[in-house]
Amino acid sequence: MPKEVKIRIPTPNEVVPEEFKSHMLNAYKEFLLAMRSLIDESLKKIEELEAKEKKKEIKKIDVS
């Protein structure tokens, strides 16, 4: 009669220490904050360009 052998493979939660998880979570948060700052700066530059364009608009003045 064949014998059955079971091998249990640990899950990542069982292998990775809590301290590592905490550091990775904080690193991910910092990465997202860095991306937010890039996006915010890009939006600021776009808004400044839009404001300059509005100032450059030619207005017709009736002189008669």
C-alpha atoms as a PDB file:
ATOM      1  CA  MET A   1       0.000   0.000   0.000  1.00  0.00           C
ATOM      2  CA  PRO A   2       1.465   3.416  -0.984  1.00  0.00           C
ATOM      3  CA  LYS A   3       2.307   5.837   1.762  1.00  0.00           C
ATOM      4  CA  GLU A   4       1.174   9.414   1.648  1.00  0.00           C
ATOM      5  CA  VAL A   5       3.654  12.210   2.355  1.00  0.00           C
ATOM      6  CA  LYS A   6       2.380  15.705   3.005  1.00  0.00           C
ATOM      7  CA  ILE A   7       4.629  18.728   2.701  1.00  0.00           C
ATOM      8  CA  ARG A   8       3.460  21.947   4.227  1.00  0.00           C
ATOM      9  CA  ILE A   9       4.772  25.140   2.634  1.00  0.00           C
ATOM     10  CA  PRO A  10       4.657  28.154   4.956  1.00  0.00           C
ATOM     11  CA  THR A  11       2.718  31.220   3.859  1.00  0.00           C
ATOM     12  CA  PRO A  12       4.543  34.546   3.444  1.00  0.00           C
ATOM     13  CA  ASN A  13       2.911  35.806   6.654  1.00  0.00           C
ATOM     14  CA  GLU A  14       4.584  32.983   8.553  1.00  0.00           C
ATOM     15  CA  VAL A  15       8.017  33.673   7.062  1.00  0.00           C
ATOM     16  CA  VAL A  16       8.220  37.472   6.930  1.00  0.00           C
ATOM     17  CA  PRO A  17       8.850  39.188  10.276  1.00  0.00           C
ATOM     18  CA  GLU A  18       6.450  41.894  11.472  1.00  0.00           C
ATOM     19  CA  GLU A  19       9.253  44.482  11.520  1.00  0.00           C
ATOM     20  CA  PHE A  20       9.874  43.879   7.808  1.00  0.00           C
ATOM     21  CA  LYS A  21       6.176  44.301   7.032  1.00  0.00           C
ATOM     22  CA  SER A  22       6.112  47.556   8.979  1.00  0.00           C
ATOM     23  CA  HIS A  23       9.166  48.929   7.129  1.00  0.00           C
ATOM     24  CA  MET A  24       7.745  47.941   3.757  1.00  0.00           C
ATOM     25  CA  LEU A  25       4.429  49.581   4.528  1.00  0.00           C
ATOM     26  CA  ASN A  26       6.188  52.801   5.558  1.00  0.00           C
ATOM     27  CA  ALA A  27       8.406  52.680   2.459  1.00  0.00           C
ATOM     28  CA  TYR A  28       5.349  52.245   0.238  1.00  0.00           C
ATOM     29  CA  LYS A  29       3.657  55.187   1.945  1.00  0.00           C
ATOM     30  CA  GLU A  30       6.757  57.363   1.418  1.00  0.00           C
ATOM     31  CA  PHE A  31       6.862  56.335  -2.242  1.00  0.00           C
ATOM     32  CA  LEU A  32       3.231  57.385  -2.689  1.00  0.00           C
ATOM     33  CA  LEU A  33       3.887  60.695  -0.925  1.00  0.00           C
ATOM     34  CA  ALA A  34       6.854  61.318  -3.241  1.00  0.00           C
ATOM     35  CA  MET A  35       4.669  60.634  -6.283  1.00  0.00           C
ATOM     36  CA  ARG A  36       2.009  62.981  -4.890  1.00  0.00           C
ATOM     37  CA  SER A  37       4.580  65.774  -4.587  1.00  0.00           C
ATOM     38  CA  LEU A  38       5.590  65.291  -8.234  1.00  0.00           C
ATOM     39  CA  ILE A  39       1.968  65.402  -9.326  1.00  0.00           C
ATOM     40  CA  ASP A  40       1.240  68.477  -7.192  1.00  0.00           C
ATOM     41  CA  GLU A  41       4.235  70.317  -8.657  1.00  0.00           C
ATOM     42  CA  SER A  42       3.210  69.409 -12.206  1.00  0.00           C
ATOM     43  CA  LEU A  43      -0.326  70.660 -11.568  1.00  0.00           C
ATOM     44  CA  LYS A  44       1.055  73.894 -10.132  1.00  0.00           C
ATOM     45  CA  LYS A  45       3.143  74.500 -13.272  1.00  0.00           C
ATOM     46  CA  ILE A  46       0.142  73.809 -15.513  1.00  0.00           C
ATOM     47  CA  GLU A  47      -1.993  76.243 -13.523  1.00  0.00           C
ATOM     48  CA  GLU A  48       0.732  78.907 -13.781  1.00  0.00           C
ATOM     49  CA  LEU A  49       0.899  78.429 -17.558  1.00  0.00           C
ATOM     50  CA  GLU A  50      -2.885  78.696 -17.791  1.00  0.00           C
ATOM     51  CA  ALA A  51      -2.795  81.946 -15.793  1.00  0.00           C
ATOM     52  CA  LYS A  52      -0.133  83.380 -18.123  1.00  0.00           C
ATOM     53  CA  GLU A  53      -2.187  82.397 -21.171  1.00  0.00           C
ATOM     54  CA  LYS A  54      -5.229  84.211 -19.796  1.00  0.00           C
ATOM     55  CA  LYS A  55      -3.140  87.366 -19.381  1.00  0.00           C
ATOM     56  CA  LYS A  56      -2.001  87.099 -23.004  1.00  0.00           C
ATOM     57  CA  GLU A  57      -5.533  87.041 -24.404  1.00  0.00           C
ATOM     58  CA  ILE A  58      -6.198  89.855 -26.834  1.00  0.00           C
ATOM     59  CA  LYS A  59      -9.170  91.976 -25.957  1.00  0.00           C
ATOM     60  CA  LYS A  60     -10.947  93.933 -28.662  1.00  0.00           C
ATOM     61  CA  ILE A  61     -11.665  97.512 -27.696  1.00  0.00           C
ATOM     62  CA  ASP A  62     -14.153  99.576 -29.649  1.00  0.00           C
ATOM     63  CA  VAL A  63     -12.638 103.066 -30.149  1.00  0.00           C
ATOM     64  CA  SER A  64     -15.421 104.642 -32.194  1.00  0.00           C
END
